[in-house]
Amino acid sequence: MQLTSEMGIPDPKALAVQLSVLLDGASAAALVFRDTSGAAHARVAAEILMDAALATAPVVVGT
């Protein structure tokens, strides 16, 4: 959750939980199906989740 907070995401806890569920699902699928290709799909899904979260983050201009 620290990383999502540092990224300026409005609801860092929600994103952290979503990414956690995604990781758990990919890990479980790898164990059950003995196939790690789900990790690549999980990465794409994680990128989509992060992009969506960042799209709703407030823009900070200058310091």
Protein backbone atom coordinates (compact mmCIF):
# COMPACT_ATOMS: atom_id res chain seq x y z
CA MET A 1 0.00 0.00 0.00
CA GLN A 2 2.95 2.33 0.52
CA LEU A 3 3.76 2.33 -3.20
CA THR A 4 0.18 3.11 -4.20
CA SER A 5 0.09 5.94 -1.65
CA GLU A 6 3.33 7.40 -3.00
CA MET A 7 1.89 7.33 -6.53
CA GLY A 8 -0.79 9.82 -5.46
CA ILE A 9 -3.66 7.43 -6.10
CA PRO A 10 -6.93 8.64 -4.55
CA ASP A 11 -7.76 5.26 -2.96
CA PRO A 12 -4.43 3.49 -2.45
CA LYS A 13 -5.90 0.80 -0.20
CA ALA A 14 -8.40 -0.28 -2.86
CA LEU A 15 -5.68 -0.57 -5.51
CA ALA A 16 -3.41 -2.46 -3.13
CA VAL A 17 -6.21 -4.96 -2.42
CA GLN A 18 -6.98 -5.32 -6.14
CA LEU A 19 -3.34 -5.99 -6.97
CA SER A 20 -3.11 -8.45 -4.07
CA VAL A 21 -6.14 -10.39 -5.30
CA LEU A 22 -4.66 -10.44 -8.80
CA LEU A 23 -1.34 -11.77 -7.49
CA ASP A 24 -3.04 -14.41 -5.36
CA GLY A 25 -5.14 -15.54 -8.32
CA ALA A 26 -2.15 -15.80 -10.64
CA SER A 27 -0.20 -17.75 -8.00
CA ALA A 28 -3.10 -20.13 -7.36
CA ALA A 29 -3.61 -20.70 -11.08
CA ALA A 30 0.09 -21.49 -11.51
CA LEU A 31 -0.11 -24.08 -8.73
CA VAL A 32 -3.37 -25.68 -9.89
CA PHE A 33 -2.63 -25.75 -13.61
CA ARG A 34 1.16 -26.07 -13.37
CA ASP A 35 1.41 -23.26 -15.87
CA THR A 36 2.88 -19.85 -15.17
CA SER A 37 1.54 -18.16 -18.31
CA GLY A 38 -1.19 -16.59 -16.19
CA ALA A 39 1.47 -14.31 -14.72
CA ALA A 40 1.78 -12.47 -18.05
CA HIS A 41 -1.98 -11.94 -18.12
CA ALA A 42 -1.92 -10.78 -14.50
CA ARG A 43 0.77 -8.24 -15.36
CA VAL A 44 -1.37 -6.78 -18.15
CA ALA A 45 -4.36 -6.63 -15.79
CA ALA A 46 -2.20 -4.94 -13.13
CA GLU A 47 -1.07 -2.32 -15.64
CA ILE A 48 -4.70 -1.63 -16.55
CA LEU A 49 -5.65 -1.28 -12.88
CA MET A 50 -2.75 1.09 -12.21
CA ASP A 51 -3.44 3.17 -15.33
CA ALA A 52 -7.10 3.50 -14.34
CA ALA A 53 -6.16 4.51 -10.80
CA LEU A 54 -3.64 7.06 -12.04
CA ALA A 55 -6.18 8.50 -14.48
CA THR A 56 -8.33 9.49 -11.52
CA ALA A 57 -5.42 10.86 -9.47
CA PRO A 58 -5.17 14.64 -9.08
CA VAL A 59 -2.49 16.27 -11.20
CA VAL A 60 0.19 18.15 -9.23
CA VAL A 61 1.89 20.92 -11.20
CA GLY A 62 5.14 22.51 -10.12
CA THR A 63 6.61 22.88 -6.64
